[in-house]
Amino acid sequence: MKERAQRLALFAAIEGGSSFWSREIAEKGVPAVFDRIKANAYDSIKHAALVEKVRNFESSPAFQSIEKAKAHFITPEDSQWPLRLDELECPPIGLIIKGNVDILSNPSLAIVGTRNPTPYGTRIAGDFAAGFVDREWDIVSGGAYGVDSAAHRGALVAEGRTIAVIASGIDLQYPSGNSRLFEEICENGAIVTEVMPGVPALPHRFLTRNRLIAALSQATLVVEAAFRSGSLRTARDAAELMRPVMAIPGPINSPSSEGCHRLIGERAAELVTSVADAIELISAL
């Protein structure tokens, strides 16, 4: 089996965000890790399911499932691979991309926030997305309802490019209610995932997905987020990568802004109130 197929086998078998497997692949290389798993050289009880997946992997149907979804599998060996991902403690084994595979290394801003924004949050997300597009930046978000959708649409209305990093297989494109939005994103932008076609968007996959949003972007903006929002995880991931983190303030009595105020209060994010503020902050770092 060729190394690209071996990498796809590991991609299909190993959940994203595993520090152990990231280290193994970095230290030993894909062929060695693939062979060791097949030979059951790791903890046989802990990794029994993984061994079975790798042993039963068939490369042709796997590649065909990606092609059927009109997508591409890219790896760190490909020219389209975004080097920013290599700064992660647990970089992805590969990525499946639908749309424009050549934009992942462009200047980009992550815009994240609540799935239930106020009209204020929806407007701000769209305005900031459009403002950054006007300055030739791409917009990265998670394809979810709420702030994510507003950011993607803001970029599209401004005739820019946007990248949706999803937690499901490329064929499922969760949430399904955003199917039309996903189609529009793919016209000039891209949908990205680190799981195989057919894999559902389970809760833990949103957390591992968030690190990709942060890593693909040169900076992260949190628009509206509750006190314990998953968007705060994206902000922490960006901070760990030493990338600028910004937050939009809201009314002091708004639950939708408690997470933003928390980040600002903990000095985990810089307060910004305009696109010009954000650009100046990013340029200064």
C-alpha atoms as a PDB file:
ATOM      1  CA  MET A   1       0.000   0.000   0.000  1.00  0.00           C
ATOM      2  CA  LYS A   2       1.381   3.420  -0.963  1.00  0.00           C
ATOM      3  CA  GLU A   3       2.098   5.977   1.748  1.00  0.00           C
ATOM      4  CA  ARG A   4      -0.815   8.222   0.692  1.00  0.00           C
ATOM      5  CA  ALA A   5      -3.215   5.317   1.145  1.00  0.00           C
ATOM      6  CA  GLN A   6      -1.580   4.448   4.474  1.00  0.00           C
ATOM      7  CA  ARG A   7      -2.093   8.036   5.615  1.00  0.00           C
ATOM      8  CA  LEU A   8      -5.751   7.878   4.603  1.00  0.00           C
ATOM      9  CA  ALA A   9      -6.080   4.650   6.605  1.00  0.00           C
ATOM     10  CA  LEU A  10      -4.722   6.397   9.708  1.00  0.00           C
ATOM     11  CA  PHE A  11      -6.899   9.437   8.964  1.00  0.00           C
ATOM     12  CA  ALA A  12      -9.978   7.204   8.842  1.00  0.00           C
ATOM     13  CA  ALA A  13      -9.092   5.228  11.965  1.00  0.00           C
ATOM     14  CA  ILE A  14      -7.703   7.845  14.366  1.00  0.00           C
ATOM     15  CA  GLU A  15      -9.855  10.599  15.869  1.00  0.00           C
ATOM     16  CA  GLY A  16      -8.444  14.093  15.406  1.00  0.00           C
ATOM     17  CA  GLY A  17      -6.681  15.824  18.264  1.00  0.00           C
ATOM     18  CA  SER A  18      -4.761  12.815  19.613  1.00  0.00           C
ATOM     19  CA  SER A  19      -1.442  13.971  21.053  1.00  0.00           C
ATOM     20  CA  PHE A  20      -0.175  10.376  21.280  1.00  0.00           C
ATOM     21  CA  TRP A  21      -0.730   9.559  17.619  1.00  0.00           C
ATOM     22  CA  SER A  22       0.492  12.978  16.512  1.00  0.00           C
ATOM     23  CA  ARG A  23       3.790  12.299  18.276  1.00  0.00           C
ATOM     24  CA  GLU A  24       4.026   8.782  16.900  1.00  0.00           C
ATOM     25  CA  ILE A  25       3.514   9.933  13.318  1.00  0.00           C
ATOM     26  CA  ALA A  26       5.911  12.874  13.734  1.00  0.00           C
ATOM     27  CA  GLU A  27       8.634  10.660  15.223  1.00  0.00           C
ATOM     28  CA  LYS A  28       8.234   7.433  13.253  1.00  0.00           C
ATOM     29  CA  GLY A  29       6.491   8.446  10.034  1.00  0.00           C
ATOM     30  CA  VAL A  30       3.258   7.221   8.490  1.00  0.00           C
ATOM     31  CA  PRO A  31       4.514   3.883   7.062  1.00  0.00           C
ATOM     32  CA  ALA A  32       6.060   2.789  10.364  1.00  0.00           C
ATOM     33  CA  VAL A  33       2.994   3.707  12.434  1.00  0.00           C
ATOM     34  CA  PHE A  34       0.710   2.016   9.910  1.00  0.00           C
ATOM     35  CA  ASP A  35       2.778  -1.182  10.029  1.00  0.00           C
ATOM     36  CA  ARG A  36       3.021  -1.144  13.829  1.00  0.00           C
ATOM     37  CA  ILE A  37      -0.750  -0.789  14.205  1.00  0.00           C
ATOM     38  CA  LYS A  38      -1.371  -3.640  11.754  1.00  0.00           C
ATOM     39  CA  ALA A  39       1.123  -5.768  13.681  1.00  0.00           C
ATOM     40  CA  ASN A  40      -0.682  -4.949  16.950  1.00  0.00           C
ATOM     41  CA  ALA A  41       2.529  -3.487  18.394  1.00  0.00           C
ATOM     42  CA  TYR A  42       0.643  -1.049  20.620  1.00  0.00           C
ATOM     43  CA  ASP A  43      -1.532  -1.735  23.684  1.00  0.00           C
ATOM     44  CA  SER A  44      -3.748  -4.503  22.306  1.00  0.00           C
ATOM     45  CA  ILE A  45      -6.649  -3.813  24.667  1.00  0.00           C
ATOM     46  CA  LYS A  46      -6.668  -0.019  24.443  1.00  0.00           C
ATOM     47  CA  HIS A  47      -6.262   0.063  20.662  1.00  0.00           C
ATOM     48  CA  ALA A  48      -8.145  -3.085  19.617  1.00  0.00           C
ATOM     49  CA  ALA A  49     -10.785  -1.183  17.635  1.00  0.00           C
ATOM     50  CA  LEU A  50      -8.110   0.901  15.928  1.00  0.00           C
ATOM     51  CA  VAL A  51      -6.157  -2.192  14.894  1.00  0.00           C
ATOM     52  CA  GLU A  52      -9.288  -3.700  13.395  1.00  0.00           C
ATOM     53  CA  LYS A  53     -10.048  -0.510  11.428  1.00  0.00           C
ATOM     54  CA  VAL A  54      -6.543  -0.311   9.988  1.00  0.00           C
ATOM     55  CA  ARG A  55      -6.384  -4.009   9.133  1.00  0.00           C
ATOM     56  CA  ASN A  56      -9.762  -3.880   7.380  1.00  0.00           C
ATOM     57  CA  PHE A  57      -9.090  -0.612   5.553  1.00  0.00           C
ATOM     58  CA  GLU A  58      -9.578  -0.717   1.785  1.00  0.00           C
ATOM     59  CA  SER A  59      -8.058   2.255   0.009  1.00  0.00           C
ATOM     60  CA  SER A  60     -10.047   2.180  -3.244  1.00  0.00           C
ATOM     61  CA  PRO A  61     -13.526   2.485  -1.667  1.00  0.00           C
ATOM     62  CA  ALA A  62     -12.190   5.125   0.742  1.00  0.00           C
ATOM     63  CA  PHE A  63     -10.784   7.317  -2.020  1.00  0.00           C
ATOM     64  CA  GLN A  64     -13.932   6.749  -4.078  1.00  0.00           C
ATOM     65  CA  SER A  65     -16.137   7.983  -1.217  1.00  0.00           C
ATOM     66  CA  ILE A  66     -14.164  11.238  -1.199  1.00  0.00           C
ATOM     67  CA  GLU A  67     -14.359  11.580  -4.985  1.00  0.00           C
ATOM     68  CA  LYS A  68     -18.105  10.867  -4.893  1.00  0.00           C
ATOM     69  CA  ALA A  69     -18.503  13.857  -2.574  1.00  0.00           C
ATOM     70  CA  LYS A  70     -16.549  15.952  -5.128  1.00  0.00           C
ATOM     71  CA  ALA A  71     -13.858  16.527  -2.543  1.00  0.00           C
ATOM     72  CA  HIS A  72     -10.101  16.088  -2.222  1.00  0.00           C
ATOM     73  CA  PHE A  73      -7.822  14.506   0.374  1.00  0.00           C
ATOM     74  CA  ILE A  74      -4.727  16.608   1.053  1.00  0.00           C
ATOM     75  CA  THR A  75      -1.749  15.832   3.266  1.00  0.00           C
ATOM     76  CA  PRO A  76       1.311  17.672   4.603  1.00  0.00           C
ATOM     77  CA  GLU A  77       3.171  16.458   1.505  1.00  0.00           C
ATOM     78  CA  ASP A  78       0.856  18.426  -0.820  1.00  0.00           C
ATOM     79  CA  SER A  79       1.551  21.985  -1.979  1.00  0.00           C
ATOM     80  CA  GLN A  80      -1.936  23.077  -0.868  1.00  0.00           C
ATOM     81  CA  TRP A  81      -1.269  22.073   2.736  1.00  0.00           C
ATOM     82  CA  PRO A  82      -1.533  25.120   5.059  1.00  0.00           C
ATOM     83  CA  LEU A  83       1.715  25.242   7.032  1.00  0.00           C
ATOM     84  CA  ARG A  84      -0.063  27.090   9.849  1.00  0.00           C
ATOM     85  CA  LEU A  85      -1.586  23.749  10.871  1.00  0.00           C
ATOM     86  CA  ASP A  86       1.854  22.351  11.635  1.00  0.00           C
ATOM     87  CA  GLU A  87       2.072  24.706  14.626  1.00  0.00           C
ATOM     88  CA  LEU A  88      -0.615  22.679  16.399  1.00  0.00           C
ATOM     89  CA  GLU A  89       0.394  20.264  19.142  1.00  0.00           C
ATOM     90  CA  CYS A  90      -1.917  17.762  17.438  1.00  0.00           C
ATOM     91  CA  PRO A  91      -1.945  18.617  13.725  1.00  0.00           C
ATOM     92  CA  PRO A  92      -4.416  16.749  11.543  1.00  0.00           C
ATOM     93  CA  ILE A  93      -3.230  13.644   9.715  1.00  0.00           C
ATOM     94  CA  GLY A  94      -4.852  15.043   6.591  1.00  0.00           C
ATOM     95  CA  LEU A  95      -7.810  17.120   5.469  1.00  0.00           C
ATOM     96  CA  ILE A  96     -10.763  16.515   3.200  1.00  0.00           C
ATOM     97  CA  ILE A  97     -11.678  19.635   1.254  1.00  0.00           C
ATOM     98  CA  LYS A  98     -14.556  20.487  -1.041  1.00  0.00           C
ATOM     99  CA  GLY A  99     -14.228  23.628  -3.136  1.00  0.00           C
ATOM    100  CA  ASN A 100     -11.114  25.707  -3.686  1.00  0.00           C
ATOM    101  CA  VAL A 101      -8.143  23.722  -2.362  1.00  0.00           C
ATOM    102  CA  ASP A 102      -5.694  26.563  -3.009  1.00  0.00           C
ATOM    103  CA  ILE A 103      -6.918  29.116  -0.461  1.00  0.00           C
ATOM    104  CA  LEU A 104      -6.034  27.548   2.878  1.00  0.00           C
ATOM    105  CA  SER A 105      -2.819  29.544   3.264  1.00  0.00           C
ATOM    106  CA  ASN A 106      -4.352  32.933   2.417  1.00  0.00           C
ATOM    107  CA  PRO A 107      -4.571  35.705   5.045  1.00  0.00           C
ATOM    108  CA  SER A 108      -7.666  34.785   7.035  1.00  0.00           C
ATOM    109  CA  LEU A 109      -9.671  35.779  10.096  1.00  0.00           C
ATOM    110  CA  ALA A 110     -11.688  33.331  12.195  1.00  0.00           C
ATOM    111  CA  ILE A 111     -15.049  34.720  13.314  1.00  0.00           C
ATOM    112  CA  VAL A 112     -16.819  32.585  15.917  1.00  0.00           C
ATOM    113  CA  GLY A 113     -19.627  32.911  18.417  1.00  0.00           C
ATOM    114  CA  THR A 114     -22.984  31.724  19.657  1.00  0.00           C
ATOM    115  CA  ARG A 115     -25.517  29.758  17.631  1.00  0.00           C
ATOM    116  CA  ASN A 116     -28.215  32.037  19.070  1.00  0.00           C
ATOM    117  CA  PRO A 117     -26.973  35.582  18.471  1.00  0.00           C
ATOM    118  CA  THR A 118     -28.880  38.773  19.027  1.00  0.00           C
ATOM    119  CA  PRO A 119     -29.585  40.987  15.991  1.00  0.00           C
ATOM    120  CA  TYR A 120     -26.582  43.022  17.164  1.00  0.00           C
ATOM    121  CA  GLY A 121     -24.285  39.995  17.046  1.00  0.00           C
ATOM    122  CA  THR A 122     -25.561  38.908  13.635  1.00  0.00           C
ATOM    123  CA  ARG A 123     -24.955  42.359  12.204  1.00  0.00           C
ATOM    124  CA  ILE A 124     -21.492  42.730  13.747  1.00  0.00           C
ATOM    125  CA  ALA A 125     -20.355  39.305  12.494  1.00  0.00           C
ATOM    126  CA  GLY A 126     -21.459  40.143   8.963  1.00  0.00           C
ATOM    127  CA  ASP A 127     -19.982  43.637   9.040  1.00  0.00           C
ATOM    128  CA  PHE A 128     -16.583  42.463  10.284  1.00  0.00           C
ATOM    129  CA  ALA A 129     -16.507  39.668   7.707  1.00  0.00           C
ATOM    130  CA  ALA A 130     -17.267  42.112   4.908  1.00  0.00           C
ATOM    131  CA  GLY A 131     -14.739  44.603   6.249  1.00  0.00           C
ATOM    132  CA  PHE A 132     -11.947  42.040   6.252  1.00  0.00           C
ATOM    133  CA  VAL A 133     -12.926  40.803   2.791  1.00  0.00           C
ATOM    134  CA  ASP A 134     -12.586  44.390   1.557  1.00  0.00           C
ATOM    135  CA  ARG A 135      -8.982  44.209   2.808  1.00  0.00           C
ATOM    136  CA  GLU A 136      -8.432  40.956   0.886  1.00  0.00           C
ATOM    137  CA  TRP A 137      -8.715  38.573   3.828  1.00  0.00           C
ATOM    138  CA  ASP A 138     -10.668  35.320   3.783  1.00  0.00           C
ATOM    139  CA  ILE A 139     -13.089  34.419   6.580  1.00  0.00           C
ATOM    140  CA  VAL A 140     -12.947  31.138   8.502  1.00  0.00           C
ATOM    141  CA  SER A 141     -15.779  29.828  10.666  1.00  0.00           C
ATOM    142  CA  GLY A 142     -17.580  26.624  11.583  1.00  0.00           C
ATOM    143  CA  GLY A 143     -20.608  26.562   9.287  1.00  0.00           C
ATOM    144  CA  ALA A 144     -23.038  26.463  12.226  1.00  0.00           C
ATOM    145  CA  TYR A 145     -26.172  28.520  12.703  1.00  0.00           C
ATOM    146  CA  GLY A 146     -25.861  31.947  14.275  1.00  0.00           C
ATOM    147  CA  VAL A 147     -22.600  33.884  14.282  1.00  0.00           C
ATOM    148  CA  ASP A 148     -20.875  31.337  12.019  1.00  0.00           C
ATOM    149  CA  SER A 149     -23.538  31.691   9.330  1.00  0.00           C
ATOM    150  CA  ALA A 150     -23.575  35.471   9.651  1.00  0.00           C
ATOM    151  CA  ALA A 151     -19.798  35.588   9.160  1.00  0.00           C
ATOM    152  CA  HIS A 152     -19.905  33.303   6.116  1.00  0.00           C
ATOM    153  CA  ARG A 153     -22.768  35.298   4.578  1.00  0.00           C
ATOM    154  CA  GLY A 154     -21.044  38.604   5.282  1.00  0.00           C
ATOM    155  CA  ALA A 155     -18.022  37.395   3.340  1.00  0.00           C
ATOM    156  CA  LEU A 156     -20.159  36.132   0.460  1.00  0.00           C
ATOM    157  CA  VAL A 157     -22.184  39.347   0.211  1.00  0.00           C
ATOM    158  CA  ALA A 158     -18.893  41.243  -0.013  1.00  0.00           C
ATOM    159  CA  GLU A 159     -17.914  38.894  -2.872  1.00  0.00           C
ATOM    160  CA  GLY A 160     -15.153  37.352  -0.814  1.00  0.00           C
ATOM    161  CA  ARG A 161     -14.057  33.844   0.044  1.00  0.00           C
ATOM    162  CA  THR A 162     -14.905  31.952   3.174  1.00  0.00           C
ATOM    163  CA  ILE A 163     -13.911  28.596   4.657  1.00  0.00           C
ATOM    164  CA  ALA A 164     -16.266  26.428   6.721  1.00  0.00           C
ATOM    165  CA  VAL A 165     -14.535  23.927   9.009  1.00  0.00           C
ATOM    166  CA  ILE A 166     -17.128  21.304   9.881  1.00  0.00           C
ATOM    167  CA  ALA A 167     -17.241  18.496  12.449  1.00  0.00           C
ATOM    168  CA  SER A 168     -18.964  15.946  10.202  1.00  0.00           C
ATOM    169  CA  GLY A 169     -18.091  14.106   7.027  1.00  0.00           C
ATOM    170  CA  ILE A 170     -17.882  16.242   3.901  1.00  0.00           C
ATOM    171  CA  ASP A 171     -20.997  14.560   2.497  1.00  0.00           C
ATOM    172  CA  LEU A 172     -23.119  15.273   5.581  1.00  0.00           C
ATOM    173  CA  GLN A 173     -22.222  18.964   5.940  1.00  0.00           C
ATOM    174  CA  TYR A 174     -23.773  19.533   9.356  1.00  0.00           C
ATOM    175  CA  PRO A 175     -26.055  21.373   9.953  1.00  0.00           C
ATOM    176  CA  SER A 176     -28.162  20.238   6.988  1.00  0.00           C
ATOM    177  CA  GLY A 177     -30.261  23.397   7.233  1.00  0.00           C
ATOM    178  CA  ASN A 178     -27.264  25.315   5.908  1.00  0.00           C
ATOM    179  CA  SER A 179     -27.013  23.228   2.731  1.00  0.00           C
ATOM    180  CA  ARG A 180     -27.609  26.212   0.445  1.00  0.00           C
ATOM    181  CA  LEU A 181     -25.019  28.250   2.338  1.00  0.00           C
ATOM    182  CA  PHE A 182     -22.493  25.418   1.979  1.00  0.00           C
ATOM    183  CA  GLU A 183     -23.109  25.365  -1.781  1.00  0.00           C
ATOM    184  CA  GLU A 184     -22.412  29.093  -1.994  1.00  0.00           C
ATOM    185  CA  ILE A 185     -19.270  28.746   0.130  1.00  0.00           C
ATOM    186  CA  CYS A 186     -17.870  26.097  -2.240  1.00  0.00           C
ATOM    187  CA  GLU A 187     -18.208  28.320  -5.303  1.00  0.00           C
ATOM    188  CA  ASN A 188     -15.063  30.291  -4.401  1.00  0.00           C
ATOM    189  CA  GLY A 189     -14.222  29.121  -0.889  1.00  0.00           C
ATOM    190  CA  ALA A 190     -14.024  25.719   0.741  1.00  0.00           C
ATOM    191  CA  ILE A 191     -15.504  23.295   3.236  1.00  0.00           C
ATOM    192  CA  VAL A 192     -12.905  21.484   5.341  1.00  0.00           C
ATOM    193  CA  THR A 193     -13.085  18.474   7.652  1.00  0.00           C
ATOM    194  CA  GLU A 194     -10.705  15.991   9.278  1.00  0.00           C
ATOM    195  CA  VAL A 195     -13.154  13.064   9.271  1.00  0.00           C
ATOM    196  CA  MET A 196     -14.197  10.645   6.541  1.00  0.00           C
ATOM    197  CA  PRO A 197     -17.448  10.849   4.560  1.00  0.00           C
ATOM    198  CA  GLY A 198     -20.357   9.433   6.500  1.00  0.00           C
ATOM    199  CA  VAL A 199     -18.967  10.342   9.925  1.00  0.00           C
ATOM    200  CA  PRO A 200     -21.543  12.202  12.073  1.00  0.00           C
ATOM    201  CA  ALA A 201     -20.939  15.454  13.934  1.00  0.00           C
ATOM    202  CA  LEU A 202     -20.682  14.207  17.530  1.00  0.00           C
ATOM    203  CA  PRO A 203     -20.042  16.660  20.411  1.00  0.00           C
ATOM    204  CA  HIS A 204     -16.357  15.801  20.901  1.00  0.00           C
ATOM    205  CA  ARG A 205     -15.668  16.442  17.223  1.00  0.00           C
ATOM    206  CA  PHE A 206     -16.739  20.071  17.573  1.00  0.00           C
ATOM    207  CA  LEU A 207     -14.030  20.598  20.186  1.00  0.00           C
ATOM    208  CA  THR A 208     -11.303  19.084  18.019  1.00  0.00           C
ATOM    209  CA  ARG A 209     -12.687  20.968  15.006  1.00  0.00           C
ATOM    210  CA  ASN A 210     -12.316  24.272  16.878  1.00  0.00           C
ATOM    211  CA  ARG A 211      -8.529  23.954  16.988  1.00  0.00           C
ATOM    212  CA  LEU A 212      -8.502  23.775  13.175  1.00  0.00           C
ATOM    213  CA  ILE A 213     -10.511  26.989  12.915  1.00  0.00           C
ATOM    214  CA  ALA A 214      -7.942  28.718  15.120  1.00  0.00           C
ATOM    215  CA  ALA A 215      -4.938  27.204  13.357  1.00  0.00           C
ATOM    216  CA  LEU A 216      -6.117  28.000   9.833  1.00  0.00           C
ATOM    217  CA  SER A 217      -6.508  31.670  10.777  1.00  0.00           C
ATOM    218  CA  GLN A 218      -4.007  34.412  11.480  1.00  0.00           C
ATOM    219  CA  ALA A 219      -6.324  35.870  14.117  1.00  0.00           C
ATOM    220  CA  THR A 220      -9.604  35.007  15.864  1.00  0.00           C
ATOM    221  CA  LEU A 221     -12.568  37.268  16.624  1.00  0.00           C
ATOM    222  CA  VAL A 222     -15.281  36.248  19.105  1.00  0.00           C
ATOM    223  CA  VAL A 223     -18.468  38.203  18.413  1.00  0.00           C
ATOM    224  CA  GLU A 224     -21.063  36.937  20.893  1.00  0.00           C
ATOM    225  CA  ALA A 225     -20.551  33.977  23.222  1.00  0.00           C
ATOM    226  CA  ALA A 226     -22.109  32.718  26.423  1.00  0.00           C
ATOM    227  CA  PHE A 227     -19.990  32.318  29.554  1.00  0.00           C
ATOM    228  CA  ARG A 228     -19.200  28.666  28.744  1.00  0.00           C
ATOM    229  CA  SER A 229     -19.426  28.834  24.960  1.00  0.00           C
ATOM    230  CA  GLY A 230     -17.398  26.490  22.772  1.00  0.00           C
ATOM    231  CA  SER A 231     -16.169  29.619  21.012  1.00  0.00           C
ATOM    232  CA  LEU A 232     -14.018  30.313  24.062  1.00  0.00           C
ATOM    233  CA  ARG A 233     -12.217  27.046  23.325  1.00  0.00           C
ATOM    234  CA  THR A 234     -11.412  28.358  19.853  1.00  0.00           C
ATOM    235  CA  ALA A 235     -10.086  31.551  21.443  1.00  0.00           C
ATOM    236  CA  ARG A 236      -7.892  29.520  23.821  1.00  0.00           C
ATOM    237  CA  ASP A 237      -6.616  27.428  20.923  1.00  0.00           C
ATOM    238  CA  ALA A 238      -5.671  30.596  19.038  1.00  0.00           C
ATOM    239  CA  ALA A 239      -3.916  32.014  22.101  1.00  0.00           C
ATOM    240  CA  GLU A 240      -1.905  28.800  22.519  1.00  0.00           C
ATOM    241  CA  LEU A 241      -0.710  29.308  18.950  1.00  0.00           C
ATOM    242  CA  MET A 242       0.304  32.869  19.821  1.00  0.00           C
ATOM    243  CA  ARG A 243      -2.262  34.251  17.364  1.00  0.00           C
ATOM    244  CA  PRO A 244      -4.157  37.491  18.082  1.00  0.00           C
ATOM    245  CA  VAL A 245      -7.497  36.993  19.849  1.00  0.00           C
ATOM    246  CA  MET A 246     -10.138  39.730  19.816  1.00  0.00           C
ATOM    247  CA  ALA A 247     -13.624  40.051  21.261  1.00  0.00           C
ATOM    248  CA  ILE A 248     -16.582  42.327  20.637  1.00  0.00           C
ATOM    249  CA  PRO A 249     -18.127  43.915  23.751  1.00  0.00           C
ATOM    250  CA  GLY A 250     -21.875  43.851  24.237  1.00  0.00           C
ATOM    251  CA  PRO A 251     -24.441  45.103  26.760  1.00  0.00           C
ATOM    252  CA  ILE A 252     -23.305  44.331  30.306  1.00  0.00           C
ATOM    253  CA  ASN A 253     -26.600  42.535  31.017  1.00  0.00           C
ATOM    254  CA  SER A 254     -26.578  40.383  27.871  1.00  0.00           C
ATOM    255  CA  PRO A 255     -25.961  36.638  28.453  1.00  0.00           C
ATOM    256  CA  SER A 256     -24.875  36.433  24.818  1.00  0.00           C
ATOM    257  CA  SER A 257     -21.874  38.644  25.568  1.00  0.00           C
ATOM    258  CA  GLU A 258     -20.774  37.116  28.885  1.00  0.00           C
ATOM    259  CA  GLY A 259     -18.124  34.996  27.186  1.00  0.00           C
ATOM    260  CA  CYS A 260     -16.684  37.977  25.322  1.00  0.00           C
ATOM    261  CA  HIS A 261     -16.592  40.017  28.522  1.00  0.00           C
ATOM    262  CA  ARG A 262     -14.932  37.093  30.290  1.00  0.00           C
ATOM    263  CA  LEU A 263     -12.167  36.938  27.665  1.00  0.00           C
ATOM    264  CA  ILE A 264     -11.656  40.690  27.817  1.00  0.00           C
ATOM    265  CA  GLY A 265     -11.704  40.724  31.621  1.00  0.00           C
ATOM    266  CA  GLU A 266      -9.154  37.903  31.821  1.00  0.00           C
ATOM    267  CA  ARG A 267      -7.027  39.693  29.216  1.00  0.00           C
ATOM    268  CA  ALA A 268      -7.348  36.643  27.029  1.00  0.00           C
ATOM    269  CA  ALA A 269      -8.688  38.813  24.205  1.00  0.00           C
ATOM    270  CA  GLU A 270      -8.325  42.394  23.058  1.00  0.00           C
ATOM    271  CA  LEU A 271     -11.459  44.522  22.948  1.00  0.00           C
ATOM    272  CA  VAL A 272     -12.198  45.771  19.428  1.00  0.00           C
ATOM    273  CA  THR A 273     -15.075  47.897  18.192  1.00  0.00           C
ATOM    274  CA  SER A 274     -14.255  48.335  14.507  1.00  0.00           C
ATOM    275  CA  VAL A 275     -12.569  46.609  11.601  1.00  0.00           C
ATOM    276  CA  ALA A 276      -9.917  49.333  11.694  1.00  0.00           C
ATOM    277  CA  ASP A 277      -9.220  48.495  15.365  1.00  0.00           C
ATOM    278  CA  ALA A 278      -8.823  44.825  14.515  1.00  0.00           C
ATOM    279  CA  ILE A 279      -6.543  45.422  11.537  1.00  0.00           C
ATOM    280  CA  GLU A 280      -4.359  47.760  13.589  1.00  0.00           C
ATOM    281  CA  LEU A 281      -4.106  45.214  16.401  1.00  0.00           C
ATOM    282  CA  ILE A 282      -3.180  42.361  14.063  1.00  0.00           C
ATOM    283  CA  SER A 283      -0.635  44.496  12.215  1.00  0.00           C
ATOM    284  CA  ALA A 284       1.041  45.486  15.479  1.00  0.00           C
ATOM    285  CA  LEU A 285       1.674  41.872  16.532  1.00  0.00           C
END
